[in-house]
C-alpha atoms as a PDB file:
ATOM      1  CA  MET A   1     100.570  96.596 169.014  1.00  0.00           C
ATOM      2  CA  ASP A   2     101.452  99.847 167.246  1.00  0.00           C
ATOM      3  CA  LYS A   3     104.687 101.432 166.106  1.00  0.00           C
ATOM      4  CA  GLN A   4     105.192 103.123 169.475  1.00  0.00           C
ATOM      5  CA  ASP A   5     105.123  99.693 171.114  1.00  0.00           C
ATOM      6  CA  SER A   6     107.615  98.409 168.540  1.00  0.00           C
ATOM      7  CA  GLN A   7     110.173 100.931 169.782  1.00  0.00           C
ATOM      8  CA  LYS A   8     110.039  99.329 173.240  1.00  0.00           C
ATOM      9  CA  ASP A   9     110.756  95.809 172.006  1.00  0.00           C
ATOM     10  CA  ILE A  10     111.514  95.585 168.308  1.00  0.00           C
ATOM     11  CA  LEU A  11     112.143  91.822 168.371  1.00  0.00           C
ATOM     12  CA  ASN A  12     108.683  91.072 169.773  1.00  0.00           C
ATOM     13  CA  TRP A  13     107.212  93.468 167.197  1.00  0.00           C
ATOM     14  CA  ILE A  14     108.850  91.537 164.365  1.00  0.00           C
ATOM     15  CA  ARG A  15     107.568  88.254 165.816  1.00  0.00           C
ATOM     16  CA  SER A  16     104.031  89.635 166.087  1.00  0.00           C
ATOM     17  CA  GLN A  17     104.046  90.724 162.417  1.00  0.00           C
ATOM     18  CA  HIS A  18     105.663  87.547 161.064  1.00  0.00           C
ATOM     19  CA  GLU A  19     102.480  85.970 159.676  1.00  0.00           C
ATOM     20  CA  SER A  20     101.515  89.135 157.785  1.00  0.00           C
ATOM     21  CA  LEU A  21     104.748  89.104 155.749  1.00  0.00           C
ATOM     22  CA  SER A  22     105.334  87.475 152.373  1.00  0.00           C
ATOM     23  CA  PRO A  23     107.454  84.268 152.286  1.00  0.00           C
ATOM     24  CA  SER A  24     110.592  86.129 151.168  1.00  0.00           C
ATOM     25  CA  GLN A  25     110.019  88.842 153.755  1.00  0.00           C
ATOM     26  CA  ARG A  26     109.671  86.173 156.442  1.00  0.00           C
ATOM     27  CA  LYS A  27     113.173  84.973 155.587  1.00  0.00           C
ATOM     28  CA  VAL A  28     114.483  88.480 156.234  1.00  0.00           C
ATOM     29  CA  ALA A  29     112.488  88.740 159.474  1.00  0.00           C
ATOM     30  CA  GLU A  30     113.819  85.391 160.706  1.00  0.00           C
ATOM     31  CA  PHE A  31     117.365  86.466 159.929  1.00  0.00           C
ATOM     32  CA  LEU A  32     116.862  89.654 161.965  1.00  0.00           C
ATOM     33  CA  LEU A  33     115.391  87.655 164.835  1.00  0.00           C
ATOM     34  CA  HIS A  34     118.125  85.028 164.981  1.00  0.00           C
ATOM     35  CA  GLY A  35     121.149  86.959 163.708  1.00  0.00           C
ATOM     36  CA  GLY A  36     121.952  88.339 167.148  1.00  0.00           C
ATOM     37  CA  ILE A  37     124.037  91.416 167.791  1.00  0.00           C
ATOM     38  CA  ASN A  38     125.808  91.072 164.424  1.00  0.00           C
ATOM     39  CA  VAL A  39     122.621  92.225 162.653  1.00  0.00           C
ATOM     40  CA  MET A  40     123.245  95.805 163.727  1.00  0.00           C
ATOM     41  CA  HIS A  41     126.309  95.991 161.441  1.00  0.00           C
ATOM     42  CA  TYR A  42     125.047  94.336 158.256  1.00  0.00           C
ATOM     43  CA  THR A  43     124.165  96.460 155.240  1.00  0.00           C
ATOM     44  CA  ILE A  44     121.028  95.861 153.187  1.00  0.00           C
ATOM     45  CA  THR A  45     123.130  94.143 150.515  1.00  0.00           C
ATOM     46  CA  GLU A  46     124.855  91.865 153.041  1.00  0.00           C
ATOM     47  CA  ILE A  47     121.533  90.794 154.563  1.00  0.00           C
ATOM     48  CA  ALA A  48     120.061  90.140 151.120  1.00  0.00           C
ATOM     49  CA  GLN A  49     123.047  87.957 150.186  1.00  0.00           C
ATOM     50  CA  ARG A  50     122.923  85.969 153.410  1.00  0.00           C
ATOM     51  CA  VAL A  51     119.179  85.387 153.163  1.00  0.00           C
ATOM     52  CA  GLY A  52     119.118  84.783 149.403  1.00  0.00           C
ATOM     53  CA  VAL A  53     116.708  87.556 148.400  1.00  0.00           C
ATOM     54  CA  ASN A  54     116.914  90.856 146.529  1.00  0.00           C
ATOM     55  CA  SER A  55     117.993  94.015 148.341  1.00  0.00           C
ATOM     56  CA  SER A  56     114.581  95.502 147.604  1.00  0.00           C
ATOM     57  CA  THR A  57     113.002  92.691 149.656  1.00  0.00           C
ATOM     58  CA  VAL A  58     114.968  93.805 152.722  1.00  0.00           C
ATOM     59  CA  VAL A  59     113.676  97.355 152.259  1.00  0.00           C
ATOM     60  CA  ARG A  60     110.088  96.150 151.715  1.00  0.00           C
ATOM     61  CA  THR A  61     110.307  94.009 154.857  1.00  0.00           C
ATOM     62  CA  ALA A  62     111.087  97.088 156.926  1.00  0.00           C
ATOM     63  CA  GLN A  63     108.235  98.970 155.269  1.00  0.00           C
ATOM     64  CA  SER A  64     105.823  96.088 155.874  1.00  0.00           C
ATOM     65  CA  LEU A  65     106.795  96.231 159.546  1.00  0.00           C
ATOM     66  CA  GLY A  66     105.676  99.869 159.592  1.00  0.00           C
ATOM     67  CA  PHE A  67     108.949 101.742 159.094  1.00  0.00           C
ATOM     68  CA  ASP A  68     109.959 104.315 156.498  1.00  0.00           C
ATOM     69  CA  GLY A  69     112.958 102.205 155.527  1.00  0.00           C
ATOM     70  CA  PHE A  70     115.551  99.727 156.744  1.00  0.00           C
ATOM     71  CA  PRO A  71     117.786 102.331 158.526  1.00  0.00           C
ATOM     72  CA  GLU A  72     114.965 103.145 160.959  1.00  0.00           C
ATOM     73  CA  LEU A  73     114.397  99.449 161.687  1.00  0.00           C
ATOM     74  CA  GLN A  74     118.121  98.793 162.080  1.00  0.00           C
ATOM     75  CA  SER A  75     118.451 101.755 164.447  1.00  0.00           C
ATOM     76  CA  LEU A  76     115.874 100.197 166.779  1.00  0.00           C
ATOM     77  CA  LEU A  77     117.589  96.814 166.551  1.00  0.00           C
ATOM     78  CA  ARG A  78     120.900  98.475 167.401  1.00  0.00           C
ATOM     79  CA  ARG A  79     119.376 100.169 170.420  1.00  0.00           C
ATOM     80  CA  GLN A  80     117.874  96.950 171.776  1.00  0.00           C
ATOM     81  CA  PHE A  81     120.937  94.795 171.152  1.00  0.00           C
ATOM     82  CA  LEU A  82     123.318  97.325 172.696  1.00  0.00           C
ATOM     83  CA  SER A  83     121.104  97.850 175.735  1.00  0.00           C
ATOM     84  CA  GLN A  84     121.069  94.111 176.389  1.00  0.00           C
ATOM     85  CA  ALA A  85     124.600  93.121 175.371  1.00  0.00           C
ATOM     86  CA  LYS A  86     127.150  92.622 178.104  1.00  0.00           C
ATOM     87  CA  VAL A  87     130.614  94.140 177.839  1.00  0.00           C
ATOM     88  CA  ALA A  88     132.172  90.754 177.065  1.00  0.00           C
ATOM     89  CA  GLN A  89     129.723  90.229 174.182  1.00  0.00           C
ATOM     90  CA  ARG A  90     130.525  93.610 172.690  1.00  0.00           C
ATOM     91  CA  MET A  91     134.250  93.016 172.906  1.00  0.00           C
ATOM     92  CA  GLN A  92     133.830  89.582 171.340  1.00  0.00           C
ATOM     93  CA  VAL A  93     131.788  90.922 168.429  1.00  0.00           C
ATOM     94  CA  GLY A  94     134.168  93.837 167.952  1.00  0.00           C
ATOM     95  CA  SER A  95     137.150  91.490 167.855  1.00  0.00           C
ATOM     96  CA  GLN A  96     135.398  89.214 165.380  1.00  0.00           C
ATOM     97  CA  HIS A  97     134.603  92.095 163.040  1.00  0.00           C
ATOM     98  CA  LEU A  98     138.240  93.124 163.183  1.00  0.00           C
ATOM     99  CA  ILE A  99     139.348  89.576 162.349  1.00  0.00           C
ATOM    100  CA  ASN A 100     136.861  89.336 159.496  1.00  0.00           C
ATOM    101  CA  SER A 101     137.943  92.660 158.038  1.00  0.00           C
ATOM    102  CA  PHE A 102     141.519  91.369 157.726  1.00  0.00           C
ATOM    103  CA  GLY A 103     140.355  88.539 155.551  1.00  0.00           C
ATOM    104  CA  GLU A 104     139.188  90.890 152.802  1.00  0.00           C
ATOM    105  CA  GLY A 105     141.475  91.202 149.761  1.00  0.00           C
ATOM    106  CA  SER A 106     144.342  93.686 149.984  1.00  0.00           C
ATOM    107  CA  GLN A 107     143.563  94.391 153.639  1.00  0.00           C
ATOM    108  CA  ARG A 108     145.253  91.117 154.597  1.00  0.00           C
ATOM    109  CA  GLU A 109     148.646  92.789 154.202  1.00  0.00           C
ATOM    110  CA  GLU A 110     147.693  95.871 156.223  1.00  0.00           C
ATOM    111  CA  HIS A 111     149.104  96.181 159.723  1.00  0.00           C
ATOM    112  CA  LEU A 112     146.604  96.115 162.588  1.00  0.00           C
ATOM    113  CA  PHE A 113     147.760  99.511 163.851  1.00  0.00           C
ATOM    114  CA  SER A 114     147.261 101.137 160.436  1.00  0.00           C
ATOM    115  CA  ARG A 115     143.840  99.552 159.984  1.00  0.00           C
ATOM    116  CA  ILE A 116     142.480 100.693 163.338  1.00  0.00           C
ATOM    117  CA  LEU A 117     143.848 104.206 162.823  1.00  0.00           C
ATOM    118  CA  ARG A 118     142.256 104.349 159.374  1.00  0.00           C
ATOM    119  CA  ASP A 119     138.895 103.341 160.844  1.00  0.00           C
ATOM    120  CA  GLU A 120     139.181 105.968 163.585  1.00  0.00           C
ATOM    121  CA  ILE A 121     140.091 108.652 161.053  1.00  0.00           C
ATOM    122  CA  GLN A 122     137.128 107.647 158.905  1.00  0.00           C
ATOM    123  CA  GLY A 123     134.843 108.007 161.919  1.00  0.00           C
ATOM    124  CA  VAL A 124     136.075 111.562 162.422  1.00  0.00           C
ATOM    125  CA  VAL A 125     135.772 112.378 158.701  1.00  0.00           C
ATOM    126  CA  ASP A 126     132.154 111.149 158.750  1.00  0.00           C
ATOM    127  CA  LEU A 127     131.209 113.430 161.672  1.00  0.00           C
ATOM    128  CA  PRO A 128     129.747 116.255 159.515  1.00  0.00           C
ATOM    129  CA  GLN A 129     127.226 113.745 158.127  1.00  0.00           C
ATOM    130  CA  HIS A 130     125.867 113.204 161.638  1.00  0.00           C
ATOM    131  CA  VAL A 131     126.326 116.707 163.084  1.00  0.00           C
ATOM    132  CA  PRO A 132     124.686 119.463 160.994  1.00  0.00           C
ATOM    133  CA  SER A 133     126.425 122.850 161.235  1.00  0.00           C
ATOM    134  CA  ALA A 134     123.242 124.590 162.385  1.00  0.00           C
ATOM    135  CA  LEU A 135     122.824 122.103 165.238  1.00  0.00           C
ATOM    136  CA  PHE A 136     126.471 122.549 166.228  1.00  0.00           C
ATOM    137  CA  ASP A 137     126.128 126.355 166.279  1.00  0.00           C
ATOM    138  CA  LYS A 138     122.943 126.149 168.342  1.00  0.00           C
ATOM    139  CA  ALA A 139     124.691 123.932 170.899  1.00  0.00           C
ATOM    140  CA  VAL A 140     127.583 126.402 171.173  1.00  0.00           C
ATOM    141  CA  ASP A 141     125.073 129.200 171.839  1.00  0.00           C
ATOM    142  CA  MET A 142     123.284 127.135 174.494  1.00  0.00           C
ATOM    143  CA  ILE A 143     126.532 126.291 176.306  1.00  0.00           C
ATOM    144  CA  ASP A 144     127.687 129.896 176.085  1.00  0.00           C
ATOM    145  CA  HIS A 145     124.430 131.373 177.412  1.00  0.00           C
ATOM    146  CA  ALA A 146     123.880 128.875 180.236  1.00  0.00           C
ATOM    147  CA  LYS A 147     124.382 130.232 183.727  1.00  0.00           C
ATOM    148  CA  HIS A 148     126.043 126.967 184.787  1.00  0.00           C
ATOM    149  CA  VAL A 149     126.924 123.828 182.816  1.00  0.00           C
ATOM    150  CA  TYR A 150     126.669 120.414 184.483  1.00  0.00           C
ATOM    151  CA  ILE A 151     128.518 117.634 182.664  1.00  0.00           C
ATOM    152  CA  ILE A 152     127.559 114.003 183.215  1.00  0.00           C
ATOM    153  CA  GLY A 153     129.157 110.875 181.811  1.00  0.00           C
ATOM    154  CA  LEU A 154     129.467 107.661 183.805  1.00  0.00           C
ATOM    155  CA  GLY A 155     131.210 104.334 183.322  1.00  0.00           C
ATOM    156  CA  ALA A 156     133.376 104.343 180.203  1.00  0.00           C
ATOM    157  CA  SER A 157     132.091 107.847 179.397  1.00  0.00           C
ATOM    158  CA  PHE A 158     133.443 109.371 182.628  1.00  0.00           C
ATOM    159  CA  PRO A 159     137.013 110.019 181.362  1.00  0.00           C
ATOM    160  CA  ILE A 160     135.573 111.747 178.291  1.00  0.00           C
ATOM    161  CA  ALA A 161     133.248 113.897 180.424  1.00  0.00           C
ATOM    162  CA  LEU A 162     136.090 114.755 182.811  1.00  0.00           C
ATOM    163  CA  ASN A 163     138.403 115.788 179.973  1.00  0.00           C
ATOM    164  CA  PHE A 164     135.679 117.966 178.433  1.00  0.00           C
ATOM    165  CA  GLY A 165     134.872 119.561 181.785  1.00  0.00           C
ATOM    166  CA  ILE A 166     138.510 120.382 182.597  1.00  0.00           C
ATOM    167  CA  PHE A 167     138.985 122.348 179.393  1.00  0.00           C
ATOM    168  CA  LEU A 168     135.511 123.903 179.437  1.00  0.00           C
ATOM    169  CA  ARG A 169     136.316 125.473 182.819  1.00  0.00           C
ATOM    170  CA  TYR A 170     139.227 127.341 181.227  1.00  0.00           C
ATOM    171  CA  ILE A 171     136.758 128.994 178.859  1.00  0.00           C
ATOM    172  CA  ARG A 172     133.821 129.435 181.225  1.00  0.00           C
ATOM    173  CA  PRO A 173     134.476 128.736 184.923  1.00  0.00           C
ATOM    174  CA  ASN A 174     130.841 128.044 185.796  1.00  0.00           C
ATOM    175  CA  SER A 175     131.085 124.412 184.743  1.00  0.00           C
ATOM    176  CA  THR A 176     130.916 121.263 186.872  1.00  0.00           C
ATOM    177  CA  VAL A 177     131.602 117.620 186.092  1.00  0.00           C
ATOM    178  CA  LEU A 178     129.143 115.554 188.137  1.00  0.00           C
ATOM    179  CA  THR A 179     131.436 113.064 189.847  1.00  0.00           C
ATOM    180  CA  PRO A 180     130.549 109.932 191.832  1.00  0.00           C
ATOM    181  CA  GLY A 181     132.306 109.955 195.187  1.00  0.00           C
ATOM    182  CA  ILE A 182     131.926 111.482 198.629  1.00  0.00           C
ATOM    183  CA  ASP A 183     129.053 113.745 197.562  1.00  0.00           C
ATOM    184  CA  PRO A 184     126.250 111.793 195.790  1.00  0.00           C
ATOM    185  CA  ILE A 185     125.299 113.058 192.336  1.00  0.00           C
ATOM    186  CA  PRO A 186     121.761 114.058 193.474  1.00  0.00           C
ATOM    187  CA  ALA A 187     123.350 116.366 196.069  1.00  0.00           C
ATOM    188  CA  GLN A 188     125.484 117.958 193.348  1.00  0.00           C
ATOM    189  CA  LEU A 189     122.289 118.820 191.444  1.00  0.00           C
ATOM    190  CA  ILE A 190     120.747 120.909 194.230  1.00  0.00           C
ATOM    191  CA  PRO A 191     121.717 124.277 192.629  1.00  0.00           C
ATOM    192  CA  LEU A 192     120.408 123.281 189.153  1.00  0.00           C
ATOM    193  CA  THR A 193     117.921 125.850 187.787  1.00  0.00           C
ATOM    194  CA  SER A 194     116.126 126.636 184.534  1.00  0.00           C
ATOM    195  CA  ASP A 195     119.008 128.938 183.534  1.00  0.00           C
ATOM    196  CA  ASP A 196     121.474 126.039 183.528  1.00  0.00           C
ATOM    197  CA  LEU A 197     122.409 123.319 181.059  1.00  0.00           C
ATOM    198  CA  VAL A 198     123.130 119.612 181.448  1.00  0.00           C
ATOM    199  CA  PHE A 199     125.595 118.147 178.960  1.00  0.00           C
ATOM    200  CA  SER A 200     125.505 114.345 178.968  1.00  0.00           C
ATOM    201  CA  ILE A 201     127.661 111.726 177.280  1.00  0.00           C
ATOM    202  CA  CYS A 202     125.607 108.568 177.194  1.00  0.00           C
ATOM    203  CA  PHE A 203     126.189 105.483 175.054  1.00  0.00           C
ATOM    204  CA  ALA A 204     124.698 102.010 175.329  1.00  0.00           C
ATOM    205  CA  ARG A 205     124.439 100.476 177.815  1.00  0.00           C
ATOM    206  CA  TYR A 206     122.749 103.627 179.105  1.00  0.00           C
ATOM    207  CA  THR A 207     123.324 104.222 182.825  1.00  0.00           C
ATOM    208  CA  ARG A 208     120.172 104.976 184.808  1.00  0.00           C
ATOM    209  CA  GLU A 209     121.907 107.670 186.856  1.00  0.00           C
ATOM    210  CA  THR A 210     122.837 109.640 183.721  1.00  0.00           C
ATOM    211  CA  LEU A 211     119.269 109.389 182.429  1.00  0.00           C
ATOM    212  CA  MET A 212     117.904 110.448 185.814  1.00  0.00           C
ATOM    213  CA  VAL A 213     120.127 113.551 185.794  1.00  0.00           C
ATOM    214  CA  MET A 214     118.643 114.425 182.401  1.00  0.00           C
ATOM    215  CA  ASP A 215     115.122 113.854 183.759  1.00  0.00           C
ATOM    216  CA  VAL A 216     115.792 116.207 186.672  1.00  0.00           C
ATOM    217  CA  ALA A 217     117.084 118.823 184.236  1.00  0.00           C
ATOM    218  CA  LYS A 218     113.896 118.611 182.164  1.00  0.00           C
ATOM    219  CA  GLN A 219     111.740 118.802 185.294  1.00  0.00           C
ATOM    220  CA  ARG A 220     113.514 122.042 186.242  1.00  0.00           C
ATOM    221  CA  ASN A 221     113.263 123.401 182.673  1.00  0.00           C
ATOM    222  CA  ALA A 222     117.026 123.396 182.212  1.00  0.00           C
ATOM    223  CA  SER A 223     118.475 122.815 178.746  1.00  0.00           C
ATOM    224  CA  VAL A 224     119.883 119.400 177.855  1.00  0.00           C
ATOM    225  CA  ILE A 225     122.485 118.426 175.259  1.00  0.00           C
ATOM    226  CA  THR A 226     123.651 114.848 174.827  1.00  0.00           C
ATOM    227  CA  VAL A 227     126.226 112.908 172.844  1.00  0.00           C
ATOM    228  CA  THR A 228     124.782 109.474 172.174  1.00  0.00           C
ATOM    229  CA  ASP A 229     124.723 106.640 169.637  1.00  0.00           C
ATOM    230  CA  THR A 230     121.253 106.696 168.056  1.00  0.00           C
ATOM    231  CA  HIS A 231     118.293 109.037 167.639  1.00  0.00           C
ATOM    232  CA  VAL A 232     116.050 106.563 169.475  1.00  0.00           C
ATOM    233  CA  SER A 233     118.310 106.129 172.509  1.00  0.00           C
ATOM    234  CA  PRO A 234     116.772 107.073 175.895  1.00  0.00           C
ATOM    235  CA  ALA A 235     119.366 109.851 176.148  1.00  0.00           C
ATOM    236  CA  ALA A 236     118.423 111.346 172.778  1.00  0.00           C
ATOM    237  CA  LYS A 237     114.744 111.372 173.748  1.00  0.00           C
ATOM    238  CA  ARG A 238     115.545 113.377 176.881  1.00  0.00           C
ATOM    239  CA  SER A 239     117.623 116.065 175.176  1.00  0.00           C
ATOM    240  CA  ASP A 240     117.007 119.347 173.374  1.00  0.00           C
ATOM    241  CA  ILE A 241     119.989 118.685 171.123  1.00  0.00           C
ATOM    242  CA  PRO A 242     121.156 115.112 170.560  1.00  0.00           C
ATOM    243  CA  PHE A 243     124.534 114.730 168.871  1.00  0.00           C
ATOM    244  CA  VAL A 244     124.313 111.246 167.387  1.00  0.00           C
ATOM    245  CA  ILE A 245     127.560 109.415 166.672  1.00  0.00           C
ATOM    246  CA  PRO A 246     126.687 105.886 165.491  1.00  0.00           C
ATOM    247  CA  TYR A 247     128.241 103.298 167.783  1.00  0.00           C
ATOM    248  CA  ARG A 248     130.857 100.972 166.307  1.00  0.00           C
ATOM    249  CA  LEU A 249     131.656  97.699 168.016  1.00  0.00           C
ATOM    250  CA  LYS A 250     135.369  97.832 167.324  1.00  0.00           C
ATOM    251  CA  MET A 251     137.096  97.534 170.672  1.00  0.00           C
ATOM    252  CA  PHE A 252     136.768 101.036 172.131  1.00  0.00           C
ATOM    253  CA  GLY A 253     133.797 102.071 169.986  1.00  0.00           C
ATOM    254  CA  ASN A 254     134.030 105.583 168.583  1.00  0.00           C
ATOM    255  CA  SER A 255     136.058 107.486 171.150  1.00  0.00           C
ATOM    256  CA  ALA A 256     138.098 109.441 168.578  1.00  0.00           C
ATOM    257  CA  ALA A 257     134.958 110.864 166.971  1.00  0.00           C
ATOM    258  CA  VAL A 258     133.511 111.846 170.354  1.00  0.00           C
ATOM    259  CA  PHE A 259     136.718 113.637 171.364  1.00  0.00           C
ATOM    260  CA  ALA A 260     136.788 115.407 167.982  1.00  0.00           C
ATOM    261  CA  LEU A 261     133.220 116.670 168.472  1.00  0.00           C
ATOM    262  CA  LEU A 262     133.891 117.902 172.010  1.00  0.00           C
ATOM    263  CA  ASP A 263     137.160 119.506 170.943  1.00  0.00           C
ATOM    264  CA  SER A 264     135.277 121.351 168.183  1.00  0.00           C
ATOM    265  CA  LEU A 265     132.760 122.694 170.708  1.00  0.00           C
ATOM    266  CA  LEU A 266     135.601 123.865 172.953  1.00  0.00           C
ATOM    267  CA  GLY A 267     137.318 125.524 169.995  1.00  0.00           C
ATOM    268  CA  ALA A 268     134.169 127.378 168.961  1.00  0.00           C
ATOM    269  CA  LEU A 269     133.598 128.594 172.536  1.00  0.00           C
ATOM    270  CA  SER A 270     137.200 129.679 173.075  1.00  0.00           C
ATOM    271  CA  LEU A 271     137.110 131.795 169.902  1.00  0.00           C
ATOM    272  CA  ARG A 272     134.326 133.860 171.485  1.00  0.00           C
ATOM    273  CA  TYR A 273     136.477 134.785 174.491  1.00  0.00           C
ATOM    274  CA  PRO A 274     140.117 134.535 173.390  1.00  0.00           C
ATOM    275  CA  GLU A 275     141.464 137.124 175.867  1.00  0.00           C
ATOM    276  CA  LYS A 276     139.643 135.775 178.924  1.00  0.00           C
ATOM    277  CA  THR A 277     140.599 132.211 178.030  1.00  0.00           C
ATOM    278  CA  GLN A 278     144.253 133.211 177.677  1.00  0.00           C
ATOM    279  CA  GLN A 279     144.157 135.066 181.003  1.00  0.00           C
ATOM    280  CA  ARG A 280     142.810 132.007 182.800  1.00  0.00           C
ATOM    281  CA  LEU A 281     145.439 129.772 181.207  1.00  0.00           C
ATOM    282  CA  ASP A 282     148.183 132.221 182.202  1.00  0.00           C
ATOM    283  CA  SER A 283     146.865 132.278 185.775  1.00  0.00           C
ATOM    284  CA  LEU A 284     146.844 128.474 185.785  1.00  0.00           C
ATOM    285  CA  GLU A 285     150.469 128.373 184.669  1.00  0.00           C
ATOM    286  CA  GLU A 286     151.418 130.761 187.490  1.00  0.00           C
ATOM    287  CA  LEU A 287     149.722 128.478 190.012  1.00  0.00           C
ATOM    288  CA  TYR A 288     151.484 125.443 188.573  1.00  0.00           C
ATOM    289  CA  GLU A 289     154.777 127.283 189.057  1.00  0.00           C
ATOM    290  CA  GLN A 290     153.866 128.309 192.591  1.00  0.00           C
ATOM    291  CA  PHE A 291     152.918 124.763 193.579  1.00  0.00           C
ATOM    292  CA  ASN A 292     155.871 123.319 191.657  1.00  0.00           C
ATOM    293  CA  LEU A 293     153.580 120.652 190.199  1.00  0.00           C
ATOM    294  CA  LEU A 294     155.291 120.017 186.886  1.00  0.00           C
ATOM    295  CA  SER A 295     158.748 118.623 186.268  1.00  0.00           C
ATOM    296  CA  LYS A 296     161.175 120.417 183.953  1.00  0.00           C
ATOM    297  CA  ALA A 297     162.192 118.884 180.629  1.00  0.00           C
ATOM    298  CA  ASP A 298     165.808 118.454 181.779  1.00  0.00           C
ATOM    299  CA  GLU A 299     164.974 116.814 185.115  1.00  0.00           C
END
């Protein structure tokens, strides 16, 4: 078994290498094998403390397993655990982490609402660490130059994809949110060509239909951008530009950070065509008035 095989099933890889590890490294390996989904959140220091070894031993264990360091190993563990975990398990772990965090020092007096908001804000503040400016600019160029943009996000990602698609159409009308319904998604892909772009939002557990849309795009030489949770996710491997926002198991994951990224892309695109964007918005307001869709403030 080589490193490529380890990416398919990291737990079996660790088991297969167990006998080649030192006694202290075996303790770390056993903790990773039996720690369950919680392992994906522990830092090197936390694992070392729980196992009773030095932090350097945790790093050396990852290296002995064939990885550059512990982050690479943990990323594969995260991918496998998230792909296998059911929704109820994720919610349970997220709730437990929230409970545990309120047992830490001064945080006991902090209100739940304030704590969750602070975590969400921190996720947004950390975005530049995960999204290099050059990659962001390249994605804006790709979206701008595409003949047509197809947006795909299913399950919990569908509302995010729909919101992004609604506002993207104000900037560039040739945009479509692939929507399950009367017309199957494969039928909606018939016009897709090499001049187009597929923009996917795909977090664990990764839906096969989203991945298949990305496969079709690659087969037709279309460009692919994805927002996903790890560099080794099946969505990231299918994309030209993967925007990686590490998944957090705190109730609704990292939705604020995802919306912030998409809003930034929309802002960058709208600045390229301010007059056309304003004209479309003005036309939309006229249609709203004509159809009498919106209530007045004093009604």
